[in-house]
C-alpha cells in the first residue's frame, strides 16, 4: 500500500510566535497602579469612623437611642 506524503501532518515547520503584544504591558502597568491606589486609599481611610486614642472610646455611646 502506497501512502502519499500529503496525508500526514508536517511537524517540521512550527509557526513562530509574535510574542507579547505591546498594549498588554500598558494594561498590566495600569492594573498595578490601580491595585496600589486602592491599597493606599484603604490605608489612608482606615481611621475614618474610628475613635482614637483608646481612652476616649469609653465615652462613645454604643447604642442609638430612639428619638
N, C-alpha and C. Protein backbone atom coordinates (compact mmCIF):
# COMPACT_ATOMS: atom_id res chain seq x y z
N UNK A 1 0.83 -1.16 0.00
CA UNK A 1 0.00 0.00 0.00
C UNK A 1 0.89 1.24 0.00
N UNK A 2 0.65 2.13 -0.88
CA UNK A 2 1.44 3.35 -1.01
C UNK A 2 0.64 4.50 -0.40
N UNK A 3 1.28 5.20 0.55
CA UNK A 3 0.62 6.32 1.22
C UNK A 3 1.31 7.60 0.78
N UNK A 4 0.51 8.56 0.36
CA UNK A 4 1.07 9.82 -0.11
C UNK A 4 1.52 10.65 1.09
N UNK A 5 2.51 11.52 0.86
CA UNK A 5 3.05 12.36 1.93
C UNK A 5 2.07 13.44 2.38
N UNK A 6 1.16 13.87 1.54
CA UNK A 6 0.25 14.95 1.91
C UNK A 6 -0.85 14.48 2.88
N UNK A 7 -0.91 13.19 3.14
CA UNK A 7 -1.89 12.69 4.11
C UNK A 7 -1.38 12.78 5.55
N UNK A 8 -0.11 13.03 5.73
CA UNK A 8 0.48 13.14 7.06
C UNK A 8 0.63 14.61 7.43
N UNK A 9 0.55 14.90 8.73
CA UNK A 9 0.79 16.25 9.20
C UNK A 9 2.28 16.54 9.18
N UNK A 10 2.64 17.72 8.75
CA UNK A 10 4.04 18.11 8.68
C UNK A 10 4.38 18.92 9.93
N UNK A 11 5.11 18.29 10.85
CA UNK A 11 5.51 18.97 12.08
C UNK A 11 6.90 19.58 11.99
N UNK A 12 7.47 19.62 10.83
CA UNK A 12 8.82 20.19 10.70
C UNK A 12 8.78 21.71 10.67
N UNK A 13 7.63 22.29 10.35
CA UNK A 13 7.52 23.75 10.29
C UNK A 13 6.54 24.20 11.38
N UNK A 14 7.09 24.75 12.46
CA UNK A 14 6.29 25.22 13.57
C UNK A 14 6.14 26.73 13.43
N UNK A 15 4.93 27.26 13.54
CA UNK A 15 4.77 28.71 13.42
C UNK A 15 5.46 29.44 14.57
N UNK A 16 6.02 30.60 14.27
CA UNK A 16 6.74 31.38 15.26
C UNK A 16 5.78 32.36 15.93
N UNK A 17 5.88 32.46 17.24
CA UNK A 17 5.01 33.35 17.99
C UNK A 17 5.43 34.80 17.78
N UNK A 18 4.47 35.69 17.81
CA UNK A 18 4.76 37.11 17.68
C UNK A 18 5.14 37.73 19.02
N UNK A 19 4.99 36.98 20.08
CA UNK A 19 5.36 37.48 21.40
C UNK A 19 4.19 38.17 22.08
N UNK A 20 4.52 38.90 23.14
CA UNK A 20 3.50 39.60 23.91
C UNK A 20 3.18 40.92 23.21
N UNK A 21 1.91 41.20 22.99
CA UNK A 21 1.55 42.47 22.33
C UNK A 21 1.96 43.67 23.19
N UNK A 22 2.37 44.76 22.58
CA UNK A 22 2.84 45.93 23.35
C UNK A 22 1.75 46.53 24.24
N UNK A 23 0.50 46.50 23.82
CA UNK A 23 -0.54 47.10 24.65
C UNK A 23 -0.75 46.32 25.95
N UNK A 24 -0.35 45.05 25.98
CA UNK A 24 -0.52 44.26 27.20
C UNK A 24 0.35 44.78 28.33
N UNK A 25 1.54 45.30 27.99
CA UNK A 25 2.40 45.90 29.02
C UNK A 25 1.72 47.12 29.63
N UNK A 26 1.04 47.91 28.82
CA UNK A 26 0.34 49.08 29.33
C UNK A 26 -0.83 48.67 30.23
N UNK A 27 -1.55 47.64 29.82
CA UNK A 27 -2.68 47.16 30.61
C UNK A 27 -2.20 46.65 31.97
N UNK A 28 -1.11 45.93 31.99
CA UNK A 28 -0.55 45.41 33.25
C UNK A 28 -0.07 46.56 34.13
N UNK A 29 0.59 47.55 33.54
CA UNK A 29 1.08 48.69 34.32
C UNK A 29 -0.09 49.47 34.91
N UNK A 30 -1.13 49.70 34.14
CA UNK A 30 -2.30 50.43 34.65
C UNK A 30 -2.98 49.61 35.75
N UNK A 31 -3.07 48.30 35.57
CA UNK A 31 -3.66 47.44 36.59
C UNK A 31 -2.88 47.49 37.90
N UNK A 32 -1.55 47.48 37.81
CA UNK A 32 -0.74 47.57 39.04
C UNK A 32 -0.92 48.91 39.71
N UNK A 33 -1.00 49.98 38.93
CA UNK A 33 -1.23 51.30 39.52
C UNK A 33 -2.58 51.36 40.23
N UNK A 34 -3.59 50.76 39.64
CA UNK A 34 -4.90 50.73 40.28
C UNK A 34 -4.87 49.92 41.57
N UNK A 35 -4.18 48.80 41.55
CA UNK A 35 -4.07 47.97 42.76
C UNK A 35 -3.40 48.75 43.89
N UNK A 36 -2.30 49.45 43.59
CA UNK A 36 -1.61 50.22 44.63
C UNK A 36 -2.42 51.43 45.06
N UNK A 37 -3.18 52.03 44.15
CA UNK A 37 -4.03 53.17 44.51
C UNK A 37 -5.14 52.73 45.45
N UNK A 38 -5.75 51.59 45.20
CA UNK A 38 -6.79 51.08 46.09
C UNK A 38 -6.18 50.72 47.45
N UNK A 39 -5.02 50.11 47.46
CA UNK A 39 -4.35 49.79 48.73
C UNK A 39 -4.01 51.04 49.52
N UNK A 40 -3.54 52.08 48.83
CA UNK A 40 -3.22 53.34 49.52
C UNK A 40 -4.47 53.98 50.07
N UNK A 41 -5.56 53.96 49.32
CA UNK A 41 -6.80 54.56 49.80
C UNK A 41 -7.33 53.80 51.01
N UNK A 42 -7.20 52.49 51.01
CA UNK A 42 -7.64 51.70 52.17
C UNK A 42 -6.82 52.06 53.40
N UNK A 43 -5.51 52.20 53.22
CA UNK A 43 -4.65 52.55 54.36
C UNK A 43 -4.94 53.96 54.86
N UNK A 44 -5.16 54.90 53.94
CA UNK A 44 -5.39 56.29 54.34
C UNK A 44 -6.76 56.49 54.97
N UNK A 45 -7.75 55.74 54.54
CA UNK A 45 -9.10 55.91 55.05
C UNK A 45 -9.46 54.92 56.16
N UNK A 46 -8.51 54.14 56.62
CA UNK A 46 -8.82 53.12 57.61
C UNK A 46 -9.20 53.71 58.97
N UNK A 47 -8.80 54.93 59.25
CA UNK A 47 -9.14 55.54 60.52
C UNK A 47 -10.48 56.24 60.52
N UNK A 48 -11.13 56.35 59.38
CA UNK A 48 -12.40 57.06 59.30
C UNK A 48 -13.48 56.31 60.06
N UNK A 49 -14.13 57.01 60.98
CA UNK A 49 -15.20 56.39 61.77
C UNK A 49 -14.70 55.69 63.02
N UNK A 50 -13.42 55.68 63.26
CA UNK A 50 -12.88 55.06 64.46
C UNK A 50 -12.49 56.15 65.46
N UNK A 51 -12.59 55.86 66.72
CA UNK A 51 -12.25 56.82 67.76
C UNK A 51 -10.90 56.43 68.37
N UNK A 52 -9.91 57.27 68.14
CA UNK A 52 -8.59 57.03 68.69
C UNK A 52 -8.18 58.28 69.44
N UNK A 53 -7.48 58.25 70.47
CA UNK A 53 -6.90 57.10 71.16
C UNK A 53 -7.95 56.34 71.97
N UNK A 54 -7.54 55.24 72.53
CA UNK A 54 -8.49 54.33 73.15
C UNK A 54 -9.10 54.88 74.43
N UNK A 55 -8.48 55.89 75.06
CA UNK A 55 -9.06 56.40 76.30
C UNK A 55 -10.34 57.19 76.04
N UNK A 56 -10.57 57.64 74.83
CA UNK A 56 -11.81 58.34 74.52
C UNK A 56 -12.90 57.39 74.05
N UNK A 57 -12.58 56.16 73.77
CA UNK A 57 -13.59 55.24 73.27
C UNK A 57 -14.56 54.81 74.36
N UNK A 58 -14.20 54.97 75.60
CA UNK A 58 -15.09 54.60 76.69
C UNK A 58 -16.32 55.51 76.69
N UNK A 59 -16.14 56.76 76.26
CA UNK A 59 -17.21 57.73 76.32
C UNK A 59 -18.12 57.70 75.08
N UNK A 60 -17.86 56.85 74.14
CA UNK A 60 -18.67 56.78 72.93
C UNK A 60 -19.87 55.90 73.18
N UNK A 61 -21.10 56.41 72.96
CA UNK A 61 -22.28 55.55 73.17
C UNK A 61 -22.33 54.46 72.10
N UNK A 62 -22.58 53.24 72.54
CA UNK A 62 -22.60 52.11 71.63
C UNK A 62 -23.98 51.81 71.09
N UNK A 63 -25.02 52.39 71.69
CA UNK A 63 -26.36 52.16 71.19
C UNK A 63 -26.92 53.46 70.62
N UNK A 64 -27.87 53.36 69.72
CA UNK A 64 -28.51 54.53 69.16
C UNK A 64 -29.86 54.71 69.84
N UNK A 65 -29.98 55.71 70.70
CA UNK A 65 -31.27 55.90 71.38
C UNK A 65 -32.32 56.37 70.38
N UNK A 66 -33.52 55.86 70.54
CA UNK A 66 -34.62 56.23 69.65
C UNK A 66 -35.03 57.66 69.93
N UNK A 67 -35.32 58.46 68.90
CA UNK A 67 -35.70 59.86 69.13
C UNK A 67 -37.09 60.01 69.70
